[in-house]
Amino acid sequence: MGLLDWAKSQFIDVIDWQDQTNDTILHQYDCRGNEIKNGAKLIVRESQAAVFINEGELGDVFQPGTVELTTQNIPVLTSLKSWKYAFNSPFKAEVYFVNTKVFTAQKWGTPNVFYVRDQDFGRVSLRAFGTYSFRVADPGMFVQKISGTKSEFRVGEIAEELRSLIITNLIAAIGESKVSLLDLAANYKTLGDICAKNLNTSDYGLQFTQFLINSISLPEELQKKLDEGTGMNMLGDMNRYQQMSMADAMKTAASNPGGGGGMEGMM
């Protein structure tokens, strides 16, 4: 290989990324110190975005498609590098591919109890569990504020942060809804919708596409008392049912001349 051929081999002429995992949110393209060739081809696949960073500053963000990298197609990077005229030389930049697909069935739960104030029971401790789905809606913001300079970023690395954010919003949603503890189960969807709305205002570059509450559990002692109360109510209803059945039977027997024997058997 001649010197000219070796020099050409150091220039990157195709930039792309094929994700082989199920949980990678961000991947930095490995330039290995090489420069990107003028006119290089950038391939951004569906459910991807490509983010260019120049010396720590956010450059151009590309959506799915194939792009030839020239001054016309990278205006922000051109401005950052102060290219006043069309350039003919290779250049350096950090390139990050962001996975914009929806990451589904992510589990959340309260590591400890949290407290709410209820109009019937006062201050009560609760636990809650559920699932959520999310995607990167603003790749540039995500790179700037979350992933930073990491060469790879996976779902598990942000799970703890999202869980804390979810719990904070859930507590606020329960207070905002003013739903009593006895009616929580019937309002899981309403509470979930409130949480999703509030979560999507967070400054993370993420969008929560679904937020589900699977259960909100009461303290064991309170749940036991509620179950006992339900049992007593059911017993009371049964007694009333038996009394009404007896009264109906007596009326039927009284109106039936041949029903005396039946009533005698019942007395």
C-alpha atoms as a PDB file:
ATOM      1  CA  MET A   1       0.000   0.000   0.000  1.00  0.00           C
ATOM      2  CA  GLY A   2       1.421   3.352  -1.074  1.00  0.00           C
ATOM      3  CA  LEU A   3       1.557   6.410   1.155  1.00  0.00           C
ATOM      4  CA  LEU A   4      -1.388   7.999  -0.662  1.00  0.00           C
ATOM      5  CA  ASP A   5      -3.475   4.843  -0.346  1.00  0.00           C
ATOM      6  CA  TRP A   6      -2.634   4.624   3.381  1.00  0.00           C
ATOM      7  CA  ALA A   7      -3.635   8.263   3.907  1.00  0.00           C
ATOM      8  CA  LYS A   8      -6.958   7.676   2.139  1.00  0.00           C
ATOM      9  CA  SER A   9      -7.644   4.644   4.340  1.00  0.00           C
ATOM     10  CA  GLN A  10      -7.548   6.875   7.414  1.00  0.00           C
ATOM     11  CA  PHE A  11     -10.558   8.843   6.214  1.00  0.00           C
ATOM     12  CA  ILE A  12     -14.052   7.688   7.140  1.00  0.00           C
ATOM     13  CA  ASP A  13     -16.338   7.590   4.121  1.00  0.00           C
ATOM     14  CA  VAL A  14     -19.370   5.715   5.580  1.00  0.00           C
ATOM     15  CA  ILE A  15     -20.871   6.302   9.020  1.00  0.00           C
ATOM     16  CA  ASP A  16     -23.632   3.978  10.258  1.00  0.00           C
ATOM     17  CA  TRP A  17     -24.670   1.806  13.197  1.00  0.00           C
ATOM     18  CA  GLN A  18     -26.613  -1.429  13.399  1.00  0.00           C
ATOM     19  CA  ASP A  19     -27.925  -2.089  16.897  1.00  0.00           C
ATOM     20  CA  GLN A  20     -27.478  -5.719  17.986  1.00  0.00           C
ATOM     21  CA  THR A  21     -29.032  -5.243  21.425  1.00  0.00           C
ATOM     22  CA  ASN A  22     -32.459  -4.589  22.899  1.00  0.00           C
ATOM     23  CA  ASP A  23     -31.482  -1.982  25.467  1.00  0.00           C
ATOM     24  CA  THR A  24     -28.923   0.394  23.954  1.00  0.00           C
ATOM     25  CA  ILE A  25     -30.150   3.989  23.896  1.00  0.00           C
ATOM     26  CA  LEU A  26     -26.957   5.635  22.645  1.00  0.00           C
ATOM     27  CA  HIS A  27     -23.841   4.484  20.794  1.00  0.00           C
ATOM     28  CA  GLN A  28     -20.832   6.591  19.857  1.00  0.00           C
ATOM     29  CA  TYR A  29     -19.492   5.873  16.405  1.00  0.00           C
ATOM     30  CA  ASP A  30     -15.878   4.737  16.738  1.00  0.00           C
ATOM     31  CA  CYS A  31     -13.778   7.062  14.632  1.00  0.00           C
ATOM     32  CA  ARG A  32     -10.533   5.669  16.150  1.00  0.00           C
ATOM     33  CA  GLY A  33      -8.909   9.083  15.766  1.00  0.00           C
ATOM     34  CA  ASN A  34      -9.624   9.140  12.043  1.00  0.00           C
ATOM     35  CA  GLU A  35     -11.117  12.091  10.231  1.00  0.00           C
ATOM     36  CA  ILE A  36     -14.429  12.137   8.407  1.00  0.00           C
ATOM     37  CA  LYS A  37     -14.054  12.480   4.668  1.00  0.00           C
ATOM     38  CA  ASN A  38     -15.619  15.460   2.928  1.00  0.00           C
ATOM     39  CA  GLY A  39     -18.720  14.056   1.231  1.00  0.00           C
ATOM     40  CA  ALA A  40     -18.828  10.995   3.487  1.00  0.00           C
ATOM     41  CA  LYS A  41     -22.097   9.089   3.557  1.00  0.00           C
ATOM     42  CA  LEU A  42     -24.115   9.122   6.785  1.00  0.00           C
ATOM     43  CA  ILE A  43     -26.702   6.335   7.040  1.00  0.00           C
ATOM     44  CA  VAL A  44     -29.351   6.792   9.729  1.00  0.00           C
ATOM     45  CA  ARG A  45     -31.724   3.860   9.977  1.00  0.00           C
ATOM     46  CA  GLU A  46     -35.344   3.876  11.081  1.00  0.00           C
ATOM     47  CA  SER A  47     -35.770   4.450  14.831  1.00  0.00           C
ATOM     48  CA  GLN A  48     -32.394   6.195  14.938  1.00  0.00           C
ATOM     49  CA  ALA A  49     -31.028   9.712  15.026  1.00  0.00           C
ATOM     50  CA  ALA A  50     -27.423  10.825  14.536  1.00  0.00           C
ATOM     51  CA  VAL A  51     -26.021  13.649  16.665  1.00  0.00           C
ATOM     52  CA  PHE A  52     -22.796  15.499  15.826  1.00  0.00           C
ATOM     53  CA  ILE A  53     -20.786  17.096  18.624  1.00  0.00           C
ATOM     54  CA  ASN A  54     -17.909  19.491  17.993  1.00  0.00           C
ATOM     55  CA  GLU A  55     -15.578  20.146  20.948  1.00  0.00           C
ATOM     56  CA  GLY A  56     -18.414  19.683  23.420  1.00  0.00           C
ATOM     57  CA  GLU A  57     -20.962  21.776  21.508  1.00  0.00           C
ATOM     58  CA  LEU A  58     -24.108  20.334  19.958  1.00  0.00           C
ATOM     59  CA  GLY A  59     -23.931  20.319  16.196  1.00  0.00           C
ATOM     60  CA  ASP A  60     -26.328  18.902  13.625  1.00  0.00           C
ATOM     61  CA  VAL A  61     -28.966  16.257  14.386  1.00  0.00           C
ATOM     62  CA  PHE A  62     -30.015  13.911  11.585  1.00  0.00           C
ATOM     63  CA  GLN A  63     -33.223  11.889  11.309  1.00  0.00           C
ATOM     64  CA  PRO A  64     -33.573   8.587   9.362  1.00  0.00           C
ATOM     65  CA  GLY A  65     -32.185   8.707   5.842  1.00  0.00           C
ATOM     66  CA  THR A  66     -28.900   8.823   3.913  1.00  0.00           C
ATOM     67  CA  VAL A  67     -26.993  12.115   3.819  1.00  0.00           C
ATOM     68  CA  GLU A  68     -23.819  13.257   2.090  1.00  0.00           C
ATOM     69  CA  LEU A  69     -21.860  15.309   4.595  1.00  0.00           C
ATOM     70  CA  THR A  70     -21.070  18.642   2.971  1.00  0.00           C
ATOM     71  CA  THR A  71     -21.239  22.249   4.152  1.00  0.00           C
ATOM     72  CA  GLN A  72     -24.794  22.430   2.783  1.00  0.00           C
ATOM     73  CA  ASN A  73     -25.937  19.475   4.886  1.00  0.00           C
ATOM     74  CA  ILE A  74     -24.155  20.245   8.161  1.00  0.00           C
ATOM     75  CA  PRO A  75     -24.883  23.962   8.664  1.00  0.00           C
ATOM     76  CA  VAL A  76     -24.478  23.978  12.450  1.00  0.00           C
ATOM     77  CA  LEU A  77     -21.177  22.102  12.341  1.00  0.00           C
ATOM     78  CA  THR A  78     -20.023  24.357   9.520  1.00  0.00           C
ATOM     79  CA  SER A  79     -20.768  27.379  11.685  1.00  0.00           C
ATOM     80  CA  LEU A  80     -19.063  25.891  14.755  1.00  0.00           C
ATOM     81  CA  LYS A  81     -15.926  25.147  12.772  1.00  0.00           C
ATOM     82  CA  SER A  82     -16.029  28.590  11.125  1.00  0.00           C
ATOM     83  CA  TRP A  83     -15.976  27.217   7.613  1.00  0.00           C
ATOM     84  CA  LYS A  84     -16.688  30.329   5.582  1.00  0.00           C
ATOM     85  CA  TYR A  85     -16.263  28.569   2.269  1.00  0.00           C
ATOM     86  CA  ALA A  86     -16.916  25.078   0.991  1.00  0.00           C
ATOM     87  CA  PHE A  87     -14.340  22.775   2.475  1.00  0.00           C
ATOM     88  CA  ASN A  88     -12.410  20.079   0.682  1.00  0.00           C
ATOM     89  CA  SER A  89     -10.594  18.533   3.616  1.00  0.00           C
ATOM     90  CA  PRO A  90     -11.555  15.809   6.082  1.00  0.00           C
ATOM     91  CA  PHE A  91     -12.753  16.943   9.512  1.00  0.00           C
ATOM     92  CA  LYS A  92     -13.126  15.615  13.036  1.00  0.00           C
ATOM     93  CA  ALA A  93     -16.344  15.421  15.041  1.00  0.00           C
ATOM     94  CA  GLU A  94     -17.932  13.111  17.580  1.00  0.00           C
ATOM     95  CA  VAL A  95     -20.877  11.196  16.156  1.00  0.00           C
ATOM     96  CA  TYR A  96     -23.510   9.622  18.406  1.00  0.00           C
ATOM     97  CA  PHE A  97     -26.310   7.368  17.235  1.00  0.00           C
ATOM     98  CA  VAL A  98     -29.420   7.596  19.421  1.00  0.00           C
ATOM     99  CA  ASN A  99     -31.979   4.810  19.439  1.00  0.00           C
ATOM    100  CA  THR A 100     -35.402   6.475  19.182  1.00  0.00           C
ATOM    101  CA  LYS A 101     -37.515   3.319  19.327  1.00  0.00           C
ATOM    102  CA  VAL A 102     -39.991   2.786  22.171  1.00  0.00           C
ATOM    103  CA  PHE A 103     -38.511   0.801  25.061  1.00  0.00           C
ATOM    104  CA  THR A 104     -41.495  -1.139  26.384  1.00  0.00           C
ATOM    105  CA  ALA A 105     -42.392  -3.038  29.575  1.00  0.00           C
ATOM    106  CA  GLN A 106     -40.013  -1.176  31.872  1.00  0.00           C
ATOM    107  CA  LYS A 107     -40.817  -1.981  35.497  1.00  0.00           C
ATOM    108  CA  TRP A 108     -41.046   0.551  38.295  1.00  0.00           C
ATOM    109  CA  GLY A 109     -41.782   0.198  41.986  1.00  0.00           C
ATOM    110  CA  THR A 110     -41.333   1.993  45.265  1.00  0.00           C
ATOM    111  CA  PRO A 111     -38.217   0.762  47.087  1.00  0.00           C
ATOM    112  CA  ASN A 112     -39.707   2.062  50.335  1.00  0.00           C
ATOM    113  CA  VAL A 113     -43.147   3.132  51.486  1.00  0.00           C
ATOM    114  CA  PHE A 114     -44.303   6.659  50.754  1.00  0.00           C
ATOM    115  CA  TYR A 115     -46.887   8.619  52.690  1.00  0.00           C
ATOM    116  CA  VAL A 116     -50.098  10.345  51.637  1.00  0.00           C
ATOM    117  CA  ARG A 117     -52.811  12.027  53.677  1.00  0.00           C
ATOM    118  CA  ASP A 118     -56.297  10.602  53.243  1.00  0.00           C
ATOM    119  CA  GLN A 119     -59.544  12.252  54.310  1.00  0.00           C
ATOM    120  CA  ASP A 120     -60.799   9.043  55.951  1.00  0.00           C
ATOM    121  CA  PHE A 121     -57.658   7.462  57.400  1.00  0.00           C
ATOM    122  CA  GLY A 122     -55.270  10.368  57.869  1.00  0.00           C
ATOM    123  CA  ARG A 123     -51.573   9.815  57.117  1.00  0.00           C
ATOM    124  CA  VAL A 124     -51.113   6.418  55.447  1.00  0.00           C
ATOM    125  CA  SER A 125     -48.057   4.613  54.043  1.00  0.00           C
ATOM    126  CA  LEU A 126     -48.324   3.067  50.585  1.00  0.00           C
ATOM    127  CA  ARG A 127     -46.346   0.971  48.133  1.00  0.00           C
ATOM    128  CA  ALA A 128     -46.892   1.027  44.388  1.00  0.00           C
ATOM    129  CA  PHE A 129     -45.763  -0.969  41.342  1.00  0.00           C
ATOM    130  CA  GLY A 130     -46.281  -0.806  37.604  1.00  0.00           C
ATOM    131  CA  THR A 131     -44.721  -0.561  34.146  1.00  0.00           C
ATOM    132  CA  TYR A 132     -43.925   2.181  31.655  1.00  0.00           C
ATOM    133  CA  SER A 133     -42.686   2.690  28.104  1.00  0.00           C
ATOM    134  CA  PHE A 134     -40.510   5.519  26.852  1.00  0.00           C
ATOM    135  CA  ARG A 135     -38.512   6.789  23.909  1.00  0.00           C
ATOM    136  CA  VAL A 136     -35.969   9.504  23.189  1.00  0.00           C
ATOM    137  CA  ALA A 137     -37.963  12.388  21.713  1.00  0.00           C
ATOM    138  CA  ASP A 138     -35.146  14.968  21.598  1.00  0.00           C
ATOM    139  CA  PRO A 139     -31.836  13.247  20.743  1.00  0.00           C
ATOM    140  CA  GLY A 140     -29.790  16.452  21.033  1.00  0.00           C
ATOM    141  CA  MET A 141     -31.080  17.232  24.505  1.00  0.00           C
ATOM    142  CA  PHE A 142     -30.573  13.630  25.608  1.00  0.00           C
ATOM    143  CA  VAL A 143     -26.913  13.687  24.548  1.00  0.00           C
ATOM    144  CA  GLN A 144     -26.321  17.061  26.179  1.00  0.00           C
ATOM    145  CA  LYS A 145     -28.079  16.460  29.494  1.00  0.00           C
ATOM    146  CA  ILE A 146     -28.154  12.712  30.121  1.00  0.00           C
ATOM    147  CA  SER A 147     -25.602  10.594  28.293  1.00  0.00           C
ATOM    148  CA  GLY A 148     -22.817  13.181  28.211  1.00  0.00           C
ATOM    149  CA  THR A 149     -19.552  11.850  26.838  1.00  0.00           C
ATOM    150  CA  LYS A 150     -20.314   8.158  27.401  1.00  0.00           C
ATOM    151  CA  SER A 151     -19.528   6.016  24.391  1.00  0.00           C
ATOM    152  CA  GLU A 152     -22.530   3.801  25.113  1.00  0.00           C
ATOM    153  CA  PHE A 153     -25.624   4.297  27.228  1.00  0.00           C
ATOM    154  CA  ARG A 154     -28.121   1.577  28.127  1.00  0.00           C
ATOM    155  CA  VAL A 155     -31.610   1.573  29.603  1.00  0.00           C
ATOM    156  CA  GLY A 156     -30.413   0.234  32.959  1.00  0.00           C
ATOM    157  CA  GLU A 157     -28.214   3.291  33.475  1.00  0.00           C
ATOM    158  CA  ILE A 158     -31.173   5.645  33.656  1.00  0.00           C
ATOM    159  CA  ALA A 159     -33.657   3.280  35.358  1.00  0.00           C
ATOM    160  CA  GLU A 160     -32.894   4.519  38.876  1.00  0.00           C
ATOM    161  CA  GLU A 161     -33.248   8.161  37.870  1.00  0.00           C
ATOM    162  CA  LEU A 162     -36.551   7.483  36.121  1.00  0.00           C
ATOM    163  CA  ARG A 163     -37.845   5.523  39.093  1.00  0.00           C
ATOM    164  CA  SER A 164     -37.214   8.465  41.413  1.00  0.00           C
ATOM    165  CA  LEU A 165     -38.905  10.776  38.933  1.00  0.00           C
ATOM    166  CA  ILE A 166     -41.886   8.417  38.675  1.00  0.00           C
ATOM    167  CA  ILE A 167     -42.389   8.151  42.460  1.00  0.00           C
ATOM    168  CA  THR A 168     -42.253  11.920  42.857  1.00  0.00           C
ATOM    169  CA  ASN A 169     -44.878  12.375  40.151  1.00  0.00           C
ATOM    170  CA  LEU A 170     -47.064   9.551  41.466  1.00  0.00           C
ATOM    171  CA  ILE A 171     -47.271  11.109  44.915  1.00  0.00           C
ATOM    172  CA  ALA A 172     -48.121  14.447  43.322  1.00  0.00           C
ATOM    173  CA  ALA A 173     -50.750  12.791  41.101  1.00  0.00           C
ATOM    174  CA  ILE A 174     -52.480  11.127  44.067  1.00  0.00           C
ATOM    175  CA  GLY A 175     -52.610  14.466  45.863  1.00  0.00           C
ATOM    176  CA  GLU A 176     -53.765  16.303  42.742  1.00  0.00           C
ATOM    177  CA  SER A 177     -56.560  13.810  42.029  1.00  0.00           C
ATOM    178  CA  LYS A 178     -57.953  13.954  45.596  1.00  0.00           C
ATOM    179  CA  VAL A 179     -59.034  10.327  45.208  1.00  0.00           C
ATOM    180  CA  SER A 180     -59.666   8.547  48.520  1.00  0.00           C
ATOM    181  CA  LEU A 181     -57.659   5.433  49.371  1.00  0.00           C
ATOM    182  CA  LEU A 182     -60.766   3.287  49.059  1.00  0.00           C
ATOM    183  CA  ASP A 183     -61.196   4.438  45.437  1.00  0.00           C
ATOM    184  CA  LEU A 184     -57.566   4.225  44.292  1.00  0.00           C
ATOM    185  CA  ALA A 185     -57.929   0.899  42.472  1.00  0.00           C
ATOM    186  CA  ALA A 186     -60.811   2.248  40.384  1.00  0.00           C
ATOM    187  CA  ASN A 187     -58.709   5.244  39.356  1.00  0.00           C
ATOM    188  CA  TYR A 188     -55.406   3.652  38.287  1.00  0.00           C
ATOM    189  CA  LYS A 189     -55.869   4.789  34.682  1.00  0.00           C
ATOM    190  CA  THR A 190     -56.677   8.371  35.695  1.00  0.00           C
ATOM    191  CA  LEU A 191     -53.645   8.504  37.976  1.00  0.00           C
ATOM    192  CA  GLY A 192     -51.462   6.933  35.280  1.00  0.00           C
ATOM    193  CA  ASP A 193     -52.559   9.535  32.729  1.00  0.00           C
ATOM    194  CA  ILE A 194     -51.758  12.354  35.165  1.00  0.00           C
ATOM    195  CA  CYS A 195     -48.306  10.860  35.836  1.00  0.00           C
ATOM    196  CA  ALA A 196     -47.528  10.434  32.131  1.00  0.00           C
ATOM    197  CA  LYS A 197     -48.520  14.051  31.454  1.00  0.00           C
ATOM    198  CA  ASN A 198     -46.336  15.371  34.264  1.00  0.00           C
ATOM    199  CA  LEU A 199     -43.406  13.105  33.400  1.00  0.00           C
ATOM    200  CA  ASN A 200     -43.363  14.385  29.832  1.00  0.00           C
ATOM    201  CA  THR A 201     -42.654  17.902  31.075  1.00  0.00           C
ATOM    202  CA  SER A 202     -39.309  16.747  32.520  1.00  0.00           C
ATOM    203  CA  ASP A 203     -36.178  18.155  30.919  1.00  0.00           C
ATOM    204  CA  TYR A 204     -34.642  14.834  29.830  1.00  0.00           C
ATOM    205  CA  GLY A 205     -35.368  14.710  26.117  1.00  0.00           C
ATOM    206  CA  LEU A 206     -37.563  11.656  26.797  1.00  0.00           C
ATOM    207  CA  GLN A 207     -41.215  10.908  26.109  1.00  0.00           C
ATOM    208  CA  PHE A 208     -43.203   8.506  28.273  1.00  0.00           C
ATOM    209  CA  THR A 209     -45.493   6.788  25.777  1.00  0.00           C
ATOM    210  CA  GLN A 210     -47.268   4.705  28.415  1.00  0.00           C
ATOM    211  CA  PHE A 211     -47.484   4.672  32.190  1.00  0.00           C
ATOM    212  CA  LEU A 212     -49.395   1.944  34.018  1.00  0.00           C
ATOM    213  CA  ILE A 213     -50.099   1.404  37.703  1.00  0.00           C
ATOM    214  CA  ASN A 214     -50.452  -2.294  38.487  1.00  0.00           C
ATOM    215  CA  SER A 215     -51.045  -1.997  42.213  1.00  0.00           C
ATOM    216  CA  ILE A 216     -51.048   0.418  45.134  1.00  0.00           C
ATOM    217  CA  SER A 217     -50.959  -1.542  48.369  1.00  0.00           C
ATOM    218  CA  LEU A 218     -52.144  -0.337  51.758  1.00  0.00           C
ATOM    219  CA  PRO A 219     -50.450  -1.168  55.076  1.00  0.00           C
ATOM    220  CA  GLU A 220     -51.194  -4.736  56.168  1.00  0.00           C
ATOM    221  CA  GLU A 221     -53.007  -3.631  59.339  1.00  0.00           C
ATOM    222  CA  LEU A 222     -55.277  -1.215  57.470  1.00  0.00           C
ATOM    223  CA  GLN A 223     -55.976  -3.739  54.730  1.00  0.00           C
ATOM    224  CA  LYS A 224     -56.938  -6.325  57.360  1.00  0.00           C
ATOM    225  CA  LYS A 225     -59.412  -3.933  58.989  1.00  0.00           C
ATOM    226  CA  LEU A 226     -60.909  -3.037  55.625  1.00  0.00           C
ATOM    227  CA  ASP A 227     -61.297  -6.719  54.785  1.00  0.00           C
ATOM    228  CA  GLU A 228     -62.973  -7.321  58.146  1.00  0.00           C
ATOM    229  CA  GLY A 229     -65.309  -4.404  57.507  1.00  0.00           C
ATOM    230  CA  THR A 230     -66.153  -5.750  54.064  1.00  0.00           C
ATOM    231  CA  GLY A 231     -66.882  -9.144  55.612  1.00  0.00           C
ATOM    232  CA  MET A 232     -69.204  -7.599  58.200  1.00  0.00           C
ATOM    233  CA  ASN A 233     -71.034  -5.664  55.491  1.00  0.00           C
ATOM    234  CA  MET A 234     -71.431  -8.825  53.443  1.00  0.00           C
ATOM    235  CA  LEU A 235     -72.759 -10.659  56.534  1.00  0.00           C
ATOM    236  CA  GLY A 236     -75.231  -7.842  57.196  1.00  0.00           C
ATOM    237  CA  ASP A 237     -76.375  -7.980  53.598  1.00  0.00           C
ATOM    238  CA  MET A 238     -76.840 -11.748  53.902  1.00  0.00           C
ATOM    239  CA  ASN A 239     -78.982 -11.377  57.030  1.00  0.00           C
ATOM    240  CA  ARG A 240     -81.140  -8.793  55.295  1.00  0.00           C
ATOM    241  CA  TYR A 241     -81.431 -11.065  52.276  1.00  0.00           C
ATOM    242  CA  GLN A 242     -82.588 -13.973  54.438  1.00  0.00           C
ATOM    243  CA  GLN A 243     -85.137 -11.770  56.206  1.00  0.00           C
ATOM    244  CA  MET A 244     -86.528 -10.547  52.892  1.00  0.00           C
ATOM    245  CA  SER A 245     -86.661 -14.111  51.555  1.00  0.00           C
ATOM    246  CA  MET A 246     -88.576 -15.222  54.638  1.00  0.00           C
ATOM    247  CA  ALA A 247     -91.048 -12.338  54.291  1.00  0.00           C
ATOM    248  CA  ASP A 248     -91.625 -13.141  50.622  1.00  0.00           C
ATOM    249  CA  ALA A 249     -92.213 -16.804  51.465  1.00  0.00           C
ATOM    250  CA  MET A 250     -94.757 -15.882  54.132  1.00  0.00           C
ATOM    251  CA  LYS A 251     -96.659 -13.629  51.716  1.00  0.00           C
ATOM    252  CA  THR A 252     -96.697 -16.368  49.104  1.00  0.00           C
ATOM    253  CA  ALA A 253     -97.964 -18.917  51.608  1.00  0.00           C
ATOM    254  CA  ALA A 254    -100.663 -16.574  52.900  1.00  0.00           C
ATOM    255  CA  SER A 255    -102.030 -16.070  49.409  1.00  0.00           C
ATOM    256  CA  ASN A 256    -101.951 -19.804  48.663  1.00  0.00           C
ATOM    257  CA  PRO A 257    -104.767 -21.771  50.371  1.00  0.00           C
ATOM    258  CA  GLY A 258    -102.830 -24.979  50.024  1.00  0.00           C
ATOM    259  CA  GLY A 259     -99.645 -23.511  51.347  1.00  0.00           C
ATOM    260  CA  GLY A 260    -100.328 -23.987  55.022  1.00  0.00           C
ATOM    261  CA  GLY A 261     -98.388 -27.148  55.208  1.00  0.00           C
ATOM    262  CA  GLY A 262     -95.402 -25.385  53.737  1.00  0.00           C
ATOM    263  CA  MET A 263     -95.559 -22.640  56.303  1.00  0.00           C
ATOM    264  CA  GLU A 264     -95.921 -25.108  59.096  1.00  0.00           C
ATOM    265  CA  GLY A 265     -92.790 -26.822  57.922  1.00  0.00           C
ATOM    266  CA  MET A 266     -90.966 -23.519  57.955  1.00  0.00           C
ATOM    267  CA  MET A 267     -92.123 -22.455  61.442  1.00  0.00           C
END
